[in-house]
Amino acid sequence: MDEKTMVNDALASVKASLTAYTTAISECSNPNLRSTLQQIRGGDENSQYELYKIAQSKGYYQPAKMADQNEINQVKSEFAGTPRWS
């Protein structure tokens, strides 16, 4: 297995774990367990970012182009009327 495949597999794995932790945290009623899961998720987020930087620096991953201000304003206006949960 080449390096690019390994890095991309690791990124996919961390992404899946972040999704699982987020779901578990949102459904957790035990404050201690919730806090522990949040700490673990934070570590995974840091790992994901480090892997992302490696992948980008080696040309394995090209992020989407940055949105310009008009695109940002359009999205803001589309969500302006969306109800917020409290």
C-alpha atoms as a PDB file:
ATOM      1  CA  MET A   1       0.000   0.000   0.000  1.00  0.00           C
ATOM      2  CA  ASP A   2       1.452   3.382  -0.970  1.00  0.00           C
ATOM      3  CA  GLU A   3       1.702   6.419   1.295  1.00  0.00           C
ATOM      4  CA  LYS A   4      -1.105   8.330  -0.420  1.00  0.00           C
ATOM      5  CA  THR A   5      -3.526   5.447   0.120  1.00  0.00           C
ATOM      6  CA  MET A   6      -2.503   5.112   3.771  1.00  0.00           C
ATOM      7  CA  VAL A   7      -2.956   8.831   4.462  1.00  0.00           C
ATOM      8  CA  ASN A   8      -6.333   8.901   2.709  1.00  0.00           C
ATOM      9  CA  ASP A   9      -7.455   5.769   4.586  1.00  0.00           C
ATOM     10  CA  ALA A  10      -6.386   7.321   7.886  1.00  0.00           C
ATOM     11  CA  LEU A  11      -8.277  10.520   7.059  1.00  0.00           C
ATOM     12  CA  ALA A  12     -11.415   8.554   6.183  1.00  0.00           C
ATOM     13  CA  SER A  13     -11.144   6.574   9.414  1.00  0.00           C
ATOM     14  CA  VAL A  14     -10.741   9.681  11.570  1.00  0.00           C
ATOM     15  CA  LYS A  15     -13.629  11.362   9.750  1.00  0.00           C
ATOM     16  CA  ALA A  16     -15.868   8.382  10.507  1.00  0.00           C
ATOM     17  CA  SER A  17     -14.852   8.379  14.169  1.00  0.00           C
ATOM     18  CA  LEU A  18     -15.571  12.116  14.453  1.00  0.00           C
ATOM     19  CA  THR A  19     -19.067  11.511  13.113  1.00  0.00           C
ATOM     20  CA  ALA A  20     -19.603   8.642  15.560  1.00  0.00           C
ATOM     21  CA  TYR A  21     -18.355  10.693  18.537  1.00  0.00           C
ATOM     22  CA  THR A  22     -20.578  13.624  17.576  1.00  0.00           C
ATOM     23  CA  THR A  23     -23.606  11.338  17.431  1.00  0.00           C
ATOM     24  CA  ALA A  24     -22.739   9.703  20.761  1.00  0.00           C
ATOM     25  CA  ILE A  25     -22.178  13.078  22.435  1.00  0.00           C
ATOM     26  CA  SER A  26     -25.488  14.450  21.212  1.00  0.00           C
ATOM     27  CA  GLU A  27     -27.317  11.417  22.611  1.00  0.00           C
ATOM     28  CA  CYS A  28     -25.370  11.090  25.873  1.00  0.00           C
ATOM     29  CA  SER A  29     -27.118  11.896  29.149  1.00  0.00           C
ATOM     30  CA  ASN A  30     -24.214  11.034  31.470  1.00  0.00           C
ATOM     31  CA  PRO A  31     -22.170  14.241  32.006  1.00  0.00           C
ATOM     32  CA  ASN A  32     -18.915  12.389  32.757  1.00  0.00           C
ATOM     33  CA  LEU A  33     -19.179  10.167  29.695  1.00  0.00           C
ATOM     34  CA  ARG A  34     -20.181  13.157  27.560  1.00  0.00           C
ATOM     35  CA  SER A  35     -17.113  15.092  28.720  1.00  0.00           C
ATOM     36  CA  THR A  36     -14.835  12.106  28.044  1.00  0.00           C
ATOM     37  CA  LEU A  37     -16.241  11.671  24.543  1.00  0.00           C
ATOM     38  CA  GLN A  38     -15.761  15.390  23.858  1.00  0.00           C
ATOM     39  CA  GLN A  39     -12.110  15.129  24.935  1.00  0.00           C
ATOM     40  CA  ILE A  40     -11.543  12.106  22.710  1.00  0.00           C
ATOM     41  CA  ARG A  41     -13.246  13.874  19.804  1.00  0.00           C
ATOM     42  CA  GLY A  42     -10.983  16.887  20.360  1.00  0.00           C
ATOM     43  CA  GLY A  43      -7.911  14.658  20.079  1.00  0.00           C
ATOM     44  CA  ASP A  44      -9.268  13.111  16.894  1.00  0.00           C
ATOM     45  CA  GLU A  45      -9.949  16.575  15.455  1.00  0.00           C
ATOM     46  CA  ASN A  46      -6.311  17.506  16.085  1.00  0.00           C
ATOM     47  CA  SER A  47      -5.127  14.263  14.485  1.00  0.00           C
ATOM     48  CA  GLN A  48      -7.376  14.827  11.483  1.00  0.00           C
ATOM     49  CA  TYR A  49      -5.952  18.319  10.973  1.00  0.00           C
ATOM     50  CA  GLU A  50      -2.363  17.044  11.142  1.00  0.00           C
ATOM     51  CA  LEU A  51      -3.159  14.316   8.600  1.00  0.00           C
ATOM     52  CA  TYR A  52      -4.904  16.884   6.408  1.00  0.00           C
ATOM     53  CA  LYS A  53      -1.795  19.111   6.447  1.00  0.00           C
ATOM     54  CA  ILE A  54       0.390  16.140   5.462  1.00  0.00           C
ATOM     55  CA  ALA A  55      -1.961  15.142   2.653  1.00  0.00           C
ATOM     56  CA  GLN A  56      -2.180  18.691   1.344  1.00  0.00           C
ATOM     57  CA  SER A  57       1.581  19.299   1.523  1.00  0.00           C
ATOM     58  CA  LYS A  58       2.255  16.149  -0.495  1.00  0.00           C
ATOM     59  CA  GLY A  59      -0.428  16.906  -3.056  1.00  0.00           C
ATOM     60  CA  TYR A  60      -2.641  14.007  -1.971  1.00  0.00           C
ATOM     61  CA  TYR A  61      -5.557  16.303  -1.198  1.00  0.00           C
ATOM     62  CA  GLN A  62      -6.684  19.513  -2.832  1.00  0.00           C
ATOM     63  CA  PRO A  63      -9.239  21.453  -0.802  1.00  0.00           C
ATOM     64  CA  ALA A  64     -12.131  23.249  -2.444  1.00  0.00           C
ATOM     65  CA  LYS A  65     -11.493  26.840  -3.433  1.00  0.00           C
ATOM     66  CA  MET A  66     -12.251  29.506  -0.857  1.00  0.00           C
ATOM     67  CA  ALA A  67     -15.696  31.072  -1.107  1.00  0.00           C
ATOM     68  CA  ASP A  68     -15.738  34.724  -2.078  1.00  0.00           C
ATOM     69  CA  GLN A  69     -17.729  37.295  -0.110  1.00  0.00           C
ATOM     70  CA  ASN A  70     -20.677  37.163  -2.535  1.00  0.00           C
ATOM     71  CA  GLU A  71     -20.999  33.396  -2.045  1.00  0.00           C
ATOM     72  CA  ILE A  72     -20.786  33.810   1.727  1.00  0.00           C
ATOM     73  CA  ASN A  73     -23.466  36.509   1.679  1.00  0.00           C
ATOM     74  CA  GLN A  74     -25.725  34.324  -0.471  1.00  0.00           C
ATOM     75  CA  VAL A  75     -25.512  31.434   1.999  1.00  0.00           C
ATOM     76  CA  LYS A  76     -26.116  33.800   4.918  1.00  0.00           C
ATOM     77  CA  SER A  77     -29.246  35.158   3.260  1.00  0.00           C
ATOM     78  CA  GLU A  78     -30.531  31.649   2.506  1.00  0.00           C
ATOM     79  CA  PHE A  79     -30.220  30.680   6.162  1.00  0.00           C
ATOM     80  CA  ALA A  80     -31.378  34.001   7.621  1.00  0.00           C
ATOM     81  CA  GLY A  81     -34.976  32.776   7.924  1.00  0.00           C
ATOM     82  CA  THR A  82     -34.069  29.308   9.171  1.00  0.00           C
ATOM     83  CA  PRO A  83     -35.346  28.667  12.735  1.00  0.00           C
ATOM     84  CA  ARG A  84     -32.649  28.141  15.366  1.00  0.00           C
ATOM     85  CA  TRP A  85     -33.068  25.464  18.012  1.00  0.00           C
ATOM     86  CA  SER A  86     -32.471  26.591  21.555  1.00  0.00           C
END
